[in-house]
């Protein structure tokens, strides 16, 4: 199973995902002095599981789903986490 497929499967299984985008930023880090492998990813995750949670709690939920992949397959994960209503508001503002 590919890294992306594994991440998607785990997050869809553990969170009520309405929308997700994952981008591989590893190429921007390959030439760093301390680069030792592992993917550098950025993600946008929209989930009703985030309702009532603050930013730290949302990120914790994502890290819990990916716990054994962090520091092995995933070196860094930058994420933006939204509830469905927050995402719909952002999308509405981008279209208007």
Protein backbone atom coordinates (compact mmCIF):
# COMPACT_ATOMS: atom_id res chain seq x y z
CA UNK A 1 0.00 0.00 0.00
CA UNK A 2 1.34 3.45 -0.88
CA UNK A 3 2.06 6.03 1.80
CA UNK A 4 -0.83 8.21 0.63
CA UNK A 5 -3.24 5.27 0.61
CA UNK A 6 -2.20 4.27 4.11
CA UNK A 7 -2.62 7.82 5.43
CA UNK A 8 -6.02 8.21 3.77
CA UNK A 9 -7.22 4.83 5.00
CA UNK A 10 -6.25 5.57 8.60
CA UNK A 11 -7.73 9.06 8.65
CA UNK A 12 -10.99 7.99 6.98
CA UNK A 13 -11.22 5.12 9.46
CA UNK A 14 -10.57 7.23 12.57
CA UNK A 15 -12.18 10.56 11.63
CA UNK A 16 -15.44 11.49 9.92
CA UNK A 17 -13.72 13.05 6.89
CA UNK A 18 -15.65 15.27 4.50
CA UNK A 19 -12.65 16.49 2.49
CA UNK A 20 -8.92 15.83 2.49
CA UNK A 21 -5.96 17.03 0.44
CA UNK A 22 -2.44 15.71 0.96
CA UNK A 23 0.58 17.26 -0.74
CA UNK A 24 4.13 15.89 -0.77
CA UNK A 25 6.65 18.64 0.03
CA UNK A 26 9.61 16.26 0.41
CA UNK A 27 11.38 17.65 -2.66
CA UNK A 28 11.77 20.99 -0.92
CA UNK A 29 13.76 19.33 1.89
CA UNK A 30 16.00 16.77 0.16
CA UNK A 31 19.00 19.11 0.06
CA UNK A 32 18.75 20.12 3.72
CA UNK A 33 21.85 19.29 5.72
CA UNK A 34 20.02 17.05 8.20
CA UNK A 35 17.61 15.39 5.76
CA UNK A 36 17.43 11.71 6.73
CA UNK A 37 14.51 10.52 4.65
CA UNK A 38 10.86 10.34 5.48
CA UNK A 39 8.11 12.29 3.81
CA UNK A 40 7.44 15.97 4.41
CA UNK A 41 3.71 16.38 3.88
CA UNK A 42 1.12 19.11 4.11
CA UNK A 43 -2.56 18.36 4.50
CA UNK A 44 -5.95 20.01 4.57
CA UNK A 45 -8.38 17.90 6.58
CA UNK A 46 -12.08 18.66 6.94
CA UNK A 47 -13.92 16.55 9.49
CA UNK A 48 -17.04 16.77 11.62
CA UNK A 49 -14.93 14.92 14.22
CA UNK A 50 -13.28 18.31 14.82
CA UNK A 51 -16.53 19.92 16.01
CA UNK A 52 -15.99 21.42 19.46
CA UNK A 53 -12.22 20.78 19.41
CA UNK A 54 -9.54 23.45 19.51
CA UNK A 55 -6.62 23.43 17.08
CA UNK A 56 -4.33 21.43 19.36
CA UNK A 57 -7.00 18.78 19.98
CA UNK A 58 -7.67 18.48 16.23
CA UNK A 59 -4.00 17.95 15.46
CA UNK A 60 -3.76 15.44 18.29
CA UNK A 61 -6.59 13.41 16.72
CA UNK A 62 -4.71 13.29 13.41
CA UNK A 63 -1.41 12.36 15.08
CA UNK A 64 -3.16 9.60 17.06
CA UNK A 65 -4.40 8.07 13.80
CA UNK A 66 -0.91 8.19 12.27
CA UNK A 67 1.12 7.60 15.44
CA UNK A 68 3.34 4.75 14.26
CA UNK A 69 3.95 6.37 10.85
CA UNK A 70 5.31 9.59 12.37
CA UNK A 71 9.13 9.63 12.42
CA UNK A 72 9.24 6.51 10.26
CA UNK A 73 7.48 7.05 6.93
CA UNK A 74 6.42 10.61 7.82
CA UNK A 75 9.15 12.99 8.97
CA UNK A 76 6.98 16.13 9.05
CA UNK A 77 3.28 16.85 8.69
CA UNK A 78 1.96 20.37 8.33
CA UNK A 79 -1.81 20.49 8.53
CA UNK A 80 -4.80 22.75 8.38
CA UNK A 81 -7.81 21.25 10.12
CA UNK A 82 -11.37 22.48 9.69
CA UNK A 83 -14.89 21.54 10.66
CA UNK A 84 -17.31 21.20 7.76
CA UNK A 85 -18.94 24.57 8.53
CA UNK A 86 -15.52 26.30 8.70
CA UNK A 87 -14.54 24.75 5.36
CA UNK A 88 -17.83 25.75 3.71
CA UNK A 89 -17.33 29.33 4.92
CA UNK A 90 -13.78 29.40 3.51
CA UNK A 91 -14.96 27.98 0.20
CA UNK A 92 -17.81 30.51 0.06
CA UNK A 93 -15.36 33.36 0.67
CA UNK A 94 -13.07 32.06 -2.08
CA UNK A 95 -15.92 31.95 -4.59
CA UNK A 96 -17.30 35.40 -3.87
